[in-house]
Amino acid sequence: MSSVAELRDTAVKDLLEYTRSVAKPNEVSSEDLENIKNSLVEMADRKEFWSEDQFPAPTDGQVHTRYLVSQDDDDSYALYLNVMHTGKKAPPHNHTTWACIASVEGEEYNYVYEPKEDGPLIPGDREIELSETIVVKPGQGIGLLPDDIHSIAINEGESTRHLHFYGRGLETLDRRLMWDKELKTCKVFVMDVKTTTDKAK
């Protein structure tokens, strides 16, 4: 009988093969993004793949651990498991690549924003406004196109486990932008959590 790790690896491989067939690292249609998101939601439902004994929650006052599950050799098609405690927040930001998020357990509040004016997303004055709130929870995910802007917050519960899937690895995304609290200006995004490459058991 296959181990949990072997079953997880097979499920991840299937997801990656499907995604490569319908999406480029920085380009995907809205329809295909929805299908990738739904596939990620299905995999997140396999809770035994993402358990505490394989991916421990952060300790010592930390609120966020990001595990790298899979990434192609050219840094494309990067899948992560984020384990986050209540209080974790990320400011409004874009990705410059597509992204999908699905919940294994817990709720991640996603606040989606739109620019008040048309034009390219570059650092400087660029006012945005809240357009939608989506709660990512078991059975419900979110898909984001490269220029979509969102923020996240863990508002309830002791811990959350969420799969985050990107067209390109986070460490390669050097043109991402983040907005200030007033939602009026943006600058280059700087990640505050380092990805761990420790393999799950």
N, C-alpha and C. Protein backbone atom coordinates (compact mmCIF):
# COMPACT_ATOMS: atom_id res chain seq x y z
N MET A 1 0.84 -1.19 0.00
CA MET A 1 0.00 0.00 0.00
C MET A 1 0.88 1.25 0.00
N SER A 2 0.53 2.22 -0.82
CA SER A 2 1.32 3.44 -0.93
C SER A 2 1.22 4.26 0.35
N SER A 3 2.31 4.94 0.69
CA SER A 3 2.31 5.81 1.86
C SER A 3 1.59 7.11 1.53
N VAL A 4 1.26 7.88 2.58
CA VAL A 4 0.61 9.17 2.39
C VAL A 4 1.48 10.07 1.52
N ALA A 5 2.79 10.08 1.78
CA ALA A 5 3.70 10.92 1.01
C ALA A 5 3.69 10.53 -0.47
N GLU A 6 3.65 9.23 -0.75
CA GLU A 6 3.63 8.77 -2.14
C GLU A 6 2.32 9.17 -2.83
N LEU A 7 1.21 9.03 -2.10
CA LEU A 7 -0.08 9.43 -2.66
C LEU A 7 -0.12 10.94 -2.91
N ARG A 8 0.45 11.70 -1.97
CA ARG A 8 0.51 13.15 -2.14
C ARG A 8 1.35 13.51 -3.36
N ASP A 9 2.50 12.88 -3.50
CA ASP A 9 3.37 13.17 -4.63
C ASP A 9 2.67 12.88 -5.96
N THR A 10 1.90 11.81 -5.99
CA THR A 10 1.16 11.47 -7.21
C THR A 10 0.10 12.52 -7.52
N ALA A 11 -0.62 12.96 -6.48
CA ALA A 11 -1.65 13.98 -6.66
C ALA A 11 -1.04 15.30 -7.13
N VAL A 12 0.10 15.66 -6.56
CA VAL A 12 0.79 16.89 -6.97
C VAL A 12 1.25 16.77 -8.41
N LYS A 13 1.82 15.64 -8.78
CA LYS A 13 2.28 15.42 -10.15
C LYS A 13 1.12 15.56 -11.13
N ASP A 14 -0.04 14.99 -10.80
CA ASP A 14 -1.21 15.08 -11.68
C ASP A 14 -1.66 16.53 -11.84
N LEU A 15 -1.67 17.28 -10.73
CA LEU A 15 -2.06 18.69 -10.78
C LEU A 15 -1.11 19.48 -11.67
N LEU A 16 0.19 19.24 -11.51
CA LEU A 16 1.18 19.96 -12.30
C LEU A 16 1.07 19.63 -13.78
N GLU A 17 0.89 18.36 -14.10
CA GLU A 17 0.78 17.97 -15.51
C GLU A 17 -0.44 18.63 -16.15
N TYR A 18 -1.55 18.64 -15.43
CA TYR A 18 -2.75 19.29 -15.97
C TYR A 18 -2.51 20.79 -16.16
N THR A 19 -1.93 21.42 -15.13
CA THR A 19 -1.74 22.87 -15.18
C THR A 19 -0.81 23.27 -16.31
N ARG A 20 0.28 22.53 -16.49
CA ARG A 20 1.21 22.83 -17.59
C ARG A 20 0.51 22.75 -18.95
N SER A 21 -0.52 21.90 -19.06
CA SER A 21 -1.20 21.71 -20.34
C SER A 21 -2.17 22.86 -20.67
N VAL A 22 -2.54 23.65 -19.67
CA VAL A 22 -3.55 24.69 -19.91
C VAL A 22 -3.07 26.10 -19.58
N ALA A 23 -1.94 26.23 -18.88
CA ALA A 23 -1.49 27.55 -18.44
C ALA A 23 0.01 27.71 -18.61
N LYS A 24 0.43 28.90 -19.04
CA LYS A 24 1.84 29.25 -19.03
C LYS A 24 2.16 29.91 -17.68
N PRO A 25 3.43 30.00 -17.32
CA PRO A 25 3.76 30.56 -16.01
C PRO A 25 3.20 31.95 -15.75
N ASN A 26 3.10 32.79 -16.79
CA ASN A 26 2.60 34.15 -16.59
C ASN A 26 1.34 34.44 -17.39
N GLU A 27 0.70 33.41 -17.88
CA GLU A 27 -0.47 33.61 -18.72
C GLU A 27 -1.45 32.47 -18.55
N VAL A 28 -2.73 32.80 -18.33
CA VAL A 28 -3.78 31.80 -18.20
C VAL A 28 -5.12 32.48 -18.47
N SER A 29 -6.05 31.76 -19.06
CA SER A 29 -7.39 32.31 -19.26
C SER A 29 -8.17 32.22 -17.96
N SER A 30 -9.20 33.03 -17.84
CA SER A 30 -10.04 33.00 -16.64
C SER A 30 -10.69 31.63 -16.46
N GLU A 31 -11.10 31.01 -17.57
CA GLU A 31 -11.73 29.69 -17.49
C GLU A 31 -10.75 28.63 -16.99
N ASP A 32 -9.54 28.64 -17.55
CA ASP A 32 -8.55 27.65 -17.11
C ASP A 32 -8.11 27.91 -15.67
N LEU A 33 -8.02 29.17 -15.28
CA LEU A 33 -7.68 29.49 -13.90
C LEU A 33 -8.73 28.93 -12.94
N GLU A 34 -9.98 29.03 -13.32
CA GLU A 34 -11.05 28.48 -12.50
C GLU A 34 -10.91 26.96 -12.37
N ASN A 35 -10.55 26.30 -13.46
CA ASN A 35 -10.38 24.85 -13.41
C ASN A 35 -9.18 24.45 -12.56
N ILE A 36 -8.09 25.21 -12.66
CA ILE A 36 -6.92 24.94 -11.81
C ILE A 36 -7.29 25.13 -10.35
N LYS A 37 -8.01 26.19 -10.06
CA LYS A 37 -8.44 26.44 -8.68
C LYS A 37 -9.29 25.28 -8.16
N ASN A 38 -10.23 24.82 -8.96
CA ASN A 38 -11.09 23.71 -8.53
C ASN A 38 -10.28 22.44 -8.28
N SER A 39 -9.26 22.20 -9.11
CA SER A 39 -8.41 21.03 -8.90
C SER A 39 -7.61 21.17 -7.61
N LEU A 40 -7.17 22.40 -7.31
CA LEU A 40 -6.44 22.64 -6.06
C LEU A 40 -7.35 22.45 -4.85
N VAL A 41 -8.60 22.89 -4.96
CA VAL A 41 -9.56 22.69 -3.88
C VAL A 41 -9.76 21.21 -3.60
N GLU A 42 -9.85 20.40 -4.66
CA GLU A 42 -10.01 18.96 -4.50
C GLU A 42 -8.80 18.35 -3.79
N MET A 43 -7.61 18.80 -4.14
CA MET A 43 -6.42 18.26 -3.50
C MET A 43 -6.32 18.71 -2.05
N ALA A 44 -6.73 19.93 -1.77
CA ALA A 44 -6.72 20.42 -0.39
C ALA A 44 -7.67 19.61 0.49
N ASP A 45 -8.70 19.05 -0.11
CA ASP A 45 -9.66 18.24 0.64
C ASP A 45 -9.05 16.94 1.14
N ARG A 46 -7.91 16.55 0.58
CA ARG A 46 -7.20 15.36 1.07
C ARG A 46 -6.37 15.80 2.28
N LYS A 47 -7.03 15.96 3.40
CA LYS A 47 -6.40 16.54 4.58
C LYS A 47 -5.23 15.71 5.10
N GLU A 48 -5.27 14.41 4.84
CA GLU A 48 -4.18 13.56 5.31
C GLU A 48 -2.85 13.89 4.62
N PHE A 49 -2.92 14.57 3.47
CA PHE A 49 -1.69 14.96 2.78
C PHE A 49 -0.96 16.09 3.49
N TRP A 50 -1.67 16.89 4.29
CA TRP A 50 -1.15 18.18 4.77
C TRP A 50 -1.21 18.29 6.29
N SER A 51 -1.06 17.19 6.99
CA SER A 51 -1.28 17.14 8.44
C SER A 51 -0.12 17.75 9.22
N GLU A 52 -0.39 18.01 10.49
CA GLU A 52 0.58 18.62 11.40
C GLU A 52 1.85 17.80 11.54
N ASP A 53 1.74 16.48 11.54
CA ASP A 53 2.93 15.66 11.73
C ASP A 53 3.86 15.72 10.52
N GLN A 54 3.32 16.11 9.36
CA GLN A 54 4.15 16.24 8.17
C GLN A 54 4.58 17.69 7.90
N PHE A 55 3.72 18.63 8.27
CA PHE A 55 4.01 20.05 8.08
C PHE A 55 3.67 20.79 9.38
N PRO A 56 4.60 20.84 10.32
CA PRO A 56 4.31 21.43 11.64
C PRO A 56 3.95 22.91 11.56
N ALA A 57 3.05 23.31 12.44
CA ALA A 57 2.67 24.71 12.55
C ALA A 57 3.80 25.52 13.17
N PRO A 58 3.86 26.82 12.89
CA PRO A 58 4.91 27.67 13.48
C PRO A 58 4.79 27.74 14.99
N THR A 59 5.95 27.89 15.64
CA THR A 59 6.01 27.99 17.11
C THR A 59 6.87 29.18 17.49
N ASP A 60 7.14 29.32 18.79
CA ASP A 60 8.01 30.37 19.31
C ASP A 60 7.55 31.76 18.90
N GLY A 61 6.24 31.97 18.91
CA GLY A 61 5.70 33.29 18.62
C GLY A 61 5.55 33.62 17.14
N GLN A 62 6.00 32.72 16.26
CA GLN A 62 5.85 32.95 14.83
C GLN A 62 4.41 32.66 14.41
N VAL A 63 3.94 33.33 13.37
CA VAL A 63 2.56 33.15 12.94
C VAL A 63 2.45 32.54 11.54
N HIS A 64 3.59 32.28 10.87
CA HIS A 64 3.50 31.84 9.48
C HIS A 64 4.71 30.98 9.12
N THR A 65 4.44 29.79 8.60
CA THR A 65 5.47 28.96 7.98
C THR A 65 5.01 28.62 6.58
N ARG A 66 5.89 28.83 5.59
CA ARG A 66 5.59 28.52 4.20
C ARG A 66 6.47 27.37 3.75
N TYR A 67 5.84 26.24 3.39
CA TYR A 67 6.56 25.07 2.91
C TYR A 67 6.50 25.01 1.39
N LEU A 68 7.64 24.77 0.76
CA LEU A 68 7.66 24.52 -0.67
C LEU A 68 7.34 23.05 -0.91
N VAL A 69 6.24 22.80 -1.59
CA VAL A 69 5.82 21.43 -1.89
C VAL A 69 6.41 20.96 -3.22
N SER A 70 6.36 21.84 -4.22
CA SER A 70 6.89 21.47 -5.54
C SER A 70 7.17 22.73 -6.33
N GLN A 71 8.21 22.66 -7.18
CA GLN A 71 8.53 23.76 -8.08
C GLN A 71 9.39 23.21 -9.21
N ASP A 72 9.07 23.62 -10.43
CA ASP A 72 9.86 23.15 -11.58
C ASP A 72 11.29 23.70 -11.50
N ASP A 73 12.18 23.07 -12.24
CA ASP A 73 13.59 23.46 -12.20
C ASP A 73 13.81 24.89 -12.66
N ASP A 74 12.91 25.42 -13.50
CA ASP A 74 13.05 26.80 -13.96
C ASP A 74 12.26 27.77 -13.09
N ASP A 75 11.88 27.33 -11.89
CA ASP A 75 11.17 28.14 -10.89
C ASP A 75 9.72 28.42 -11.26
N SER A 76 9.17 27.69 -12.21
CA SER A 76 7.76 27.86 -12.58
C SER A 76 6.89 26.84 -11.84
N TYR A 77 5.58 27.06 -11.87
CA TYR A 77 4.59 26.15 -11.30
C TYR A 77 4.97 25.77 -9.86
N ALA A 78 4.89 26.75 -8.99
CA ALA A 78 5.32 26.58 -7.59
C ALA A 78 4.12 26.37 -6.68
N LEU A 79 4.16 25.28 -5.94
CA LEU A 79 3.09 24.94 -5.01
C LEU A 79 3.61 25.00 -3.57
N TYR A 80 2.90 25.72 -2.72
CA TYR A 80 3.30 25.89 -1.33
C TYR A 80 2.16 25.48 -0.40
N LEU A 81 2.54 25.09 0.81
CA LEU A 81 1.57 24.96 1.90
C LEU A 81 1.91 26.04 2.91
N ASN A 82 0.95 26.91 3.18
CA ASN A 82 1.10 27.95 4.20
C ASN A 82 0.37 27.52 5.46
N VAL A 83 1.09 27.50 6.57
CA VAL A 83 0.48 27.22 7.87
C VAL A 83 0.55 28.52 8.67
N MET A 84 -0.62 29.07 8.98
CA MET A 84 -0.66 30.41 9.56
C MET A 84 -1.57 30.45 10.78
N HIS A 85 -1.17 31.24 11.78
CA HIS A 85 -1.96 31.44 12.98
C HIS A 85 -2.76 32.74 12.89
N THR A 86 -3.74 32.86 13.79
CA THR A 86 -4.52 34.08 13.88
C THR A 86 -3.60 35.29 14.05
N GLY A 87 -3.90 36.34 13.32
CA GLY A 87 -3.10 37.55 13.38
C GLY A 87 -2.23 37.76 12.17
N LYS A 88 -2.00 36.71 11.37
CA LYS A 88 -1.21 36.86 10.16
C LYS A 88 -1.97 37.72 9.15
N LYS A 89 -1.28 38.72 8.60
CA LYS A 89 -1.87 39.57 7.58
C LYS A 89 -0.84 39.85 6.49
N ALA A 90 -1.33 40.14 5.31
CA ALA A 90 -0.47 40.60 4.22
C ALA A 90 -1.15 41.81 3.59
N PRO A 91 -0.40 42.88 3.31
CA PRO A 91 -1.00 44.09 2.73
C PRO A 91 -1.47 43.85 1.32
N PRO A 92 -2.28 44.74 0.77
CA PRO A 92 -2.71 44.59 -0.62
C PRO A 92 -1.50 44.47 -1.55
N HIS A 93 -1.56 43.49 -2.47
CA HIS A 93 -0.45 43.26 -3.38
C HIS A 93 -0.94 42.52 -4.62
N ASN A 94 -0.15 42.60 -5.68
CA ASN A 94 -0.40 41.77 -6.86
C ASN A 94 0.66 40.69 -6.90
N HIS A 95 0.67 39.88 -7.96
CA HIS A 95 1.63 38.77 -8.04
C HIS A 95 2.49 38.79 -9.29
N THR A 96 2.01 39.41 -10.35
CA THR A 96 2.64 39.40 -11.69
C THR A 96 2.66 38.02 -12.31
N THR A 97 2.03 37.07 -11.68
CA THR A 97 1.78 35.74 -12.23
C THR A 97 0.41 35.31 -11.69
N TRP A 98 -0.18 34.28 -12.27
CA TRP A 98 -1.46 33.83 -11.75
C TRP A 98 -1.26 33.09 -10.41
N ALA A 99 -2.35 33.04 -9.63
CA ALA A 99 -2.28 32.40 -8.32
C ALA A 99 -3.62 31.75 -7.99
N CYS A 100 -3.56 30.62 -7.28
CA CYS A 100 -4.75 29.96 -6.77
C CYS A 100 -4.52 29.61 -5.30
N ILE A 101 -5.56 29.73 -4.50
CA ILE A 101 -5.47 29.42 -3.08
C ILE A 101 -6.64 28.50 -2.71
N ALA A 102 -6.35 27.48 -1.94
CA ALA A 102 -7.38 26.55 -1.46
C ALA A 102 -7.09 26.20 -0.01
N SER A 103 -8.14 25.92 0.75
CA SER A 103 -8.01 25.67 2.18
C SER A 103 -8.06 24.18 2.50
N VAL A 104 -7.07 23.75 3.28
CA VAL A 104 -7.12 22.43 3.90
C VAL A 104 -7.96 22.51 5.16
N GLU A 105 -7.66 23.52 5.97
CA GLU A 105 -8.46 23.80 7.16
C GLU A 105 -8.31 25.27 7.52
N GLY A 106 -9.35 25.82 8.14
CA GLY A 106 -9.32 27.21 8.56
C GLY A 106 -9.76 28.18 7.47
N GLU A 107 -9.94 29.43 7.86
CA GLU A 107 -10.44 30.46 6.96
C GLU A 107 -9.39 31.55 6.74
N GLU A 108 -9.15 31.86 5.49
CA GLU A 108 -8.26 32.96 5.10
C GLU A 108 -9.12 34.00 4.38
N TYR A 109 -9.18 35.19 4.97
CA TYR A 109 -9.96 36.27 4.37
C TYR A 109 -9.13 36.91 3.25
N ASN A 110 -9.71 36.93 2.05
CA ASN A 110 -9.08 37.57 0.91
C ASN A 110 -9.88 38.80 0.53
N TYR A 111 -9.22 39.95 0.58
CA TYR A 111 -9.85 41.21 0.22
C TYR A 111 -9.33 41.61 -1.16
N VAL A 112 -10.22 41.70 -2.12
CA VAL A 112 -9.85 41.94 -3.51
C VAL A 112 -10.08 43.42 -3.84
N TYR A 113 -9.10 44.03 -4.50
CA TYR A 113 -9.15 45.47 -4.79
C TYR A 113 -9.08 45.72 -6.29
N GLU A 114 -9.54 46.91 -6.68
CA GLU A 114 -9.43 47.35 -8.06
C GLU A 114 -8.85 48.76 -8.10
N PRO A 115 -7.98 49.05 -9.08
CA PRO A 115 -7.48 50.43 -9.23
C PRO A 115 -8.62 51.37 -9.59
N LYS A 116 -8.54 52.59 -9.10
CA LYS A 116 -9.58 53.57 -9.42
C LYS A 116 -9.42 54.11 -10.83
N GLU A 117 -8.21 53.96 -11.39
CA GLU A 117 -7.97 54.43 -12.75
C GLU A 117 -7.26 53.34 -13.54
N ASP A 118 -7.46 53.35 -14.86
CA ASP A 118 -6.79 52.40 -15.72
C ASP A 118 -5.32 52.76 -15.88
N GLY A 119 -4.53 51.78 -16.30
CA GLY A 119 -3.11 52.02 -16.54
C GLY A 119 -2.25 50.94 -15.95
N PRO A 120 -0.97 50.92 -16.31
CA PRO A 120 -0.06 49.88 -15.81
C PRO A 120 0.17 49.98 -14.32
N LEU A 121 0.44 48.85 -13.68
CA LEU A 121 0.74 48.83 -12.26
C LEU A 121 2.24 49.04 -12.07
N ILE A 122 2.61 50.23 -11.63
CA ILE A 122 4.00 50.57 -11.38
C ILE A 122 4.09 51.30 -10.05
N PRO A 123 5.28 51.29 -9.42
CA PRO A 123 5.40 51.97 -8.12
C PRO A 123 5.05 53.45 -8.21
N GLY A 124 4.45 53.96 -7.13
CA GLY A 124 4.09 55.37 -7.09
C GLY A 124 2.65 55.56 -6.65
N ASP A 125 2.06 56.66 -7.02
CA ASP A 125 0.68 56.97 -6.67
C ASP A 125 -0.25 56.13 -7.54
N ARG A 126 -1.04 55.30 -6.90
CA ARG A 126 -1.99 54.44 -7.64
C ARG A 126 -3.07 53.99 -6.67
N GLU A 127 -4.15 54.74 -6.59
CA GLU A 127 -5.18 54.48 -5.60
C GLU A 127 -6.02 53.26 -5.98
N ILE A 128 -6.33 52.44 -4.99
CA ILE A 128 -7.17 51.27 -5.20
C ILE A 128 -8.33 51.31 -4.21
N GLU A 129 -9.35 50.50 -4.47
CA GLU A 129 -10.49 50.43 -3.57
C GLU A 129 -10.96 48.98 -3.45
N LEU A 130 -11.50 48.64 -2.29
CA LEU A 130 -11.99 47.29 -2.04
C LEU A 130 -13.20 46.99 -2.92
N SER A 131 -13.16 45.84 -3.60
CA SER A 131 -14.27 45.49 -4.48
C SER A 131 -15.01 44.23 -4.03
N GLU A 132 -14.30 43.35 -3.28
CA GLU A 132 -14.92 42.07 -2.92
C GLU A 132 -14.16 41.42 -1.78
N THR A 133 -14.87 40.69 -0.95
CA THR A 133 -14.25 39.89 0.11
C THR A 133 -14.61 38.43 -0.12
N ILE A 134 -13.58 37.59 -0.21
CA ILE A 134 -13.78 36.16 -0.42
C ILE A 134 -13.12 35.41 0.72
N VAL A 135 -13.89 34.58 1.40
CA VAL A 135 -13.34 33.78 2.49
C VAL A 135 -12.94 32.43 1.93
N VAL A 136 -11.63 32.18 1.90
CA VAL A 136 -11.13 30.89 1.45
C VAL A 136 -11.23 29.91 2.61
N LYS A 137 -12.04 28.90 2.44
CA LYS A 137 -12.28 27.90 3.47
C LYS A 137 -12.44 26.56 2.78
N PRO A 138 -12.46 25.45 3.54
CA PRO A 138 -12.60 24.15 2.89
C PRO A 138 -13.75 24.13 1.89
N GLY A 139 -13.44 23.73 0.66
CA GLY A 139 -14.44 23.68 -0.39
C GLY A 139 -14.56 24.94 -1.21
N GLN A 140 -13.90 26.02 -0.79
CA GLN A 140 -14.00 27.29 -1.51
C GLN A 140 -12.63 27.94 -1.62
N GLY A 141 -12.18 28.16 -2.86
CA GLY A 141 -10.88 28.77 -3.08
C GLY A 141 -11.01 30.09 -3.81
N ILE A 142 -9.86 30.57 -4.32
CA ILE A 142 -9.84 31.82 -5.08
C ILE A 142 -8.77 31.70 -6.15
N GLY A 143 -9.04 32.27 -7.31
CA GLY A 143 -8.07 32.35 -8.38
C GLY A 143 -7.80 33.80 -8.72
N LEU A 144 -6.54 34.14 -8.95
CA LEU A 144 -6.14 35.52 -9.19
C LEU A 144 -5.28 35.59 -10.45
N LEU A 145 -5.62 36.51 -11.34
CA LEU A 145 -4.83 36.76 -12.53
C LEU A 145 -3.61 37.62 -12.17
N PRO A 146 -2.61 37.71 -13.05
CA PRO A 146 -1.37 38.39 -12.70
C PRO A 146 -1.52 39.81 -12.15
N ASP A 147 -2.47 40.59 -12.69
CA ASP A 147 -2.64 41.97 -12.24
C ASP A 147 -3.68 42.13 -11.14
N ASP A 148 -4.33 41.05 -10.73
CA ASP A 148 -5.30 41.15 -9.64
C ASP A 148 -4.60 41.53 -8.34
N ILE A 149 -5.30 42.28 -7.51
CA ILE A 149 -4.74 42.79 -6.25
C ILE A 149 -5.57 42.24 -5.10
N HIS A 150 -4.90 41.69 -4.09
CA HIS A 150 -5.62 41.21 -2.91
C HIS A 150 -4.76 41.39 -1.68
N SER A 151 -5.41 41.33 -0.52
CA SER A 151 -4.71 41.22 0.76
C SER A 151 -5.32 40.04 1.49
N ILE A 152 -4.60 39.51 2.49
CA ILE A 152 -5.12 38.39 3.25
C ILE A 152 -5.02 38.66 4.74
N ALA A 153 -5.89 37.98 5.48
CA ALA A 153 -5.86 38.07 6.95
C ALA A 153 -6.42 36.80 7.53
N ILE A 154 -5.77 36.32 8.59
CA ILE A 154 -6.28 35.18 9.35
C ILE A 154 -6.94 35.77 10.59
N ASN A 155 -8.26 35.82 10.58
CA ASN A 155 -9.01 36.53 11.61
C ASN A 155 -9.54 35.64 12.71
N GLU A 156 -9.68 34.37 12.44
CA GLU A 156 -10.33 33.48 13.40
C GLU A 156 -9.61 32.14 13.44
N GLY A 157 -9.74 31.44 14.58
CA GLY A 157 -9.18 30.10 14.69
C GLY A 157 -7.73 30.10 15.13
N GLU A 158 -7.25 28.97 15.56
CA GLU A 158 -5.88 28.87 16.06
C GLU A 158 -4.86 28.69 14.95
N SER A 159 -5.24 28.04 13.87
CA SER A 159 -4.27 27.76 12.82
C SER A 159 -5.01 27.48 11.52
N THR A 160 -4.39 27.84 10.42
CA THR A 160 -4.95 27.54 9.11
C THR A 160 -3.89 26.85 8.26
N ARG A 161 -4.36 26.03 7.34
CA ARG A 161 -3.49 25.36 6.36
C ARG A 161 -4.09 25.61 4.99
N HIS A 162 -3.32 26.27 4.14
CA HIS A 162 -3.81 26.62 2.82
C HIS A 162 -2.75 26.33 1.77
N LEU A 163 -3.19 25.78 0.65
CA LEU A 163 -2.33 25.58 -0.50
C LEU A 163 -2.35 26.84 -1.36
N HIS A 164 -1.16 27.33 -1.70
CA HIS A 164 -1.00 28.47 -2.60
C HIS A 164 -0.21 27.99 -3.82
N PHE A 165 -0.78 28.18 -4.98
CA PHE A 165 -0.21 27.67 -6.23
C PHE A 165 0.00 28.85 -7.17
N TYR A 166 1.23 29.02 -7.67
CA TYR A 166 1.59 30.16 -8.50
C TYR A 166 2.22 29.70 -9.82
N GLY A 167 2.06 30.53 -10.82
CA GLY A 167 2.70 30.24 -12.09
C GLY A 167 4.21 30.28 -12.01
N ARG A 168 4.71 31.14 -11.11
CA ARG A 168 6.15 31.22 -10.89
C ARG A 168 6.43 31.28 -9.39
N GLY A 169 7.63 30.81 -8.99
CA GLY A 169 8.00 30.80 -7.59
C GLY A 169 8.05 32.20 -6.99
N LEU A 170 7.63 32.33 -5.75
CA LEU A 170 7.54 33.64 -5.12
C LEU A 170 8.87 34.38 -5.10
N GLU A 171 9.95 33.65 -4.88
CA GLU A 171 11.26 34.31 -4.77
C GLU A 171 11.72 34.92 -6.09
N THR A 172 11.09 34.56 -7.20
CA THR A 172 11.47 35.11 -8.50
C THR A 172 10.65 36.33 -8.88
N LEU A 173 9.62 36.65 -8.10
CA LEU A 173 8.69 37.71 -8.47
C LEU A 173 9.19 39.05 -7.93
N ASP A 174 10.07 39.70 -8.67
CA ASP A 174 10.72 40.92 -8.18
C ASP A 174 10.03 42.20 -8.65
N ARG A 175 8.87 42.06 -9.29
CA ARG A 175 8.12 43.26 -9.71
C ARG A 175 6.74 43.34 -9.07
N ARG A 176 6.54 42.55 -8.03
CA ARG A 176 5.28 42.63 -7.29
C ARG A 176 5.19 43.98 -6.57
N LEU A 177 3.97 44.44 -6.38
CA LEU A 177 3.75 45.71 -5.70
C LEU A 177 2.91 45.50 -4.45
N MET A 178 3.11 46.34 -3.45
CA MET A 178 2.29 46.35 -2.25
C MET A 178 1.83 47.77 -1.97
N TRP A 179 0.60 47.88 -1.43
CA TRP A 179 -0.01 49.19 -1.21
C TRP A 179 0.07 49.58 0.27
N ASP A 180 0.03 50.88 0.50
CA ASP A 180 0.04 51.39 1.87
C ASP A 180 -1.35 51.25 2.51
N LYS A 181 -1.43 51.57 3.79
CA LYS A 181 -2.69 51.40 4.52
C LYS A 181 -3.80 52.29 3.97
N GLU A 182 -3.43 53.41 3.41
CA GLU A 182 -4.43 54.34 2.85
C GLU A 182 -4.89 53.92 1.45
N LEU A 183 -4.24 52.91 0.88
CA LEU A 183 -4.58 52.37 -0.44
C LEU A 183 -4.37 53.38 -1.55
N LYS A 184 -3.40 54.28 -1.37
CA LYS A 184 -3.19 55.34 -2.35
C LYS A 184 -1.87 55.23 -3.10
N THR A 185 -0.86 54.61 -2.50
CA THR A 185 0.43 54.49 -3.16
C THR A 185 0.94 53.05 -3.03
N CYS A 186 1.85 52.68 -3.93
CA CYS A 186 2.41 51.33 -3.89
C CYS A 186 3.91 51.37 -4.13
N LYS A 187 4.58 50.32 -3.67
CA LYS A 187 6.01 50.17 -3.85
C LYS A 187 6.31 48.70 -4.07
N VAL A 188 7.55 48.36 -4.37
CA VAL A 188 7.93 46.97 -4.61
C VAL A 188 7.71 46.15 -3.35
N PHE A 189 7.10 44.99 -3.51
CA PHE A 189 6.74 44.10 -2.41
C PHE A 189 8.00 43.40 -1.88
N VAL A 190 8.12 43.37 -0.56
CA VAL A 190 9.22 42.65 0.08
C VAL A 190 8.61 41.57 0.98
N MET A 191 8.94 40.29 0.71
CA MET A 191 8.38 39.20 1.50
C MET A 191 8.94 39.22 2.92
N ASP A 192 8.08 38.94 3.89
CA ASP A 192 8.52 38.95 5.29
C ASP A 192 8.68 37.54 5.86
N VAL A 193 8.45 36.52 5.04
CA VAL A 193 8.58 35.13 5.48
C VAL A 193 9.43 34.38 4.48
N LYS A 194 10.42 33.67 4.95
CA LYS A 194 11.28 32.87 4.09
C LYS A 194 10.68 31.49 3.90
N THR A 195 10.68 31.02 2.66
CA THR A 195 10.15 29.69 2.35
C THR A 195 11.10 28.62 2.88
N THR A 196 10.53 27.59 3.50
CA THR A 196 11.34 26.47 3.93
C THR A 196 11.27 25.37 2.89
N THR A 197 12.41 24.81 2.57
CA THR A 197 12.46 23.72 1.61
C THR A 197 12.59 22.37 2.28
N ASP A 198 12.41 22.36 3.60
CA ASP A 198 12.45 21.08 4.32
C ASP A 198 11.38 20.17 3.78
N LYS A 199 11.75 18.97 3.47
CA LYS A 199 10.79 18.01 2.91
C LYS A 199 9.88 17.47 4.01
N ALA A 200 8.61 17.30 3.63
CA ALA A 200 7.67 16.68 4.56
C ALA A 200 8.05 15.21 4.74
N LYS A 201 7.63 14.69 5.88
CA LYS A 201 7.92 13.29 6.17
C LYS A 201 7.08 12.36 5.31
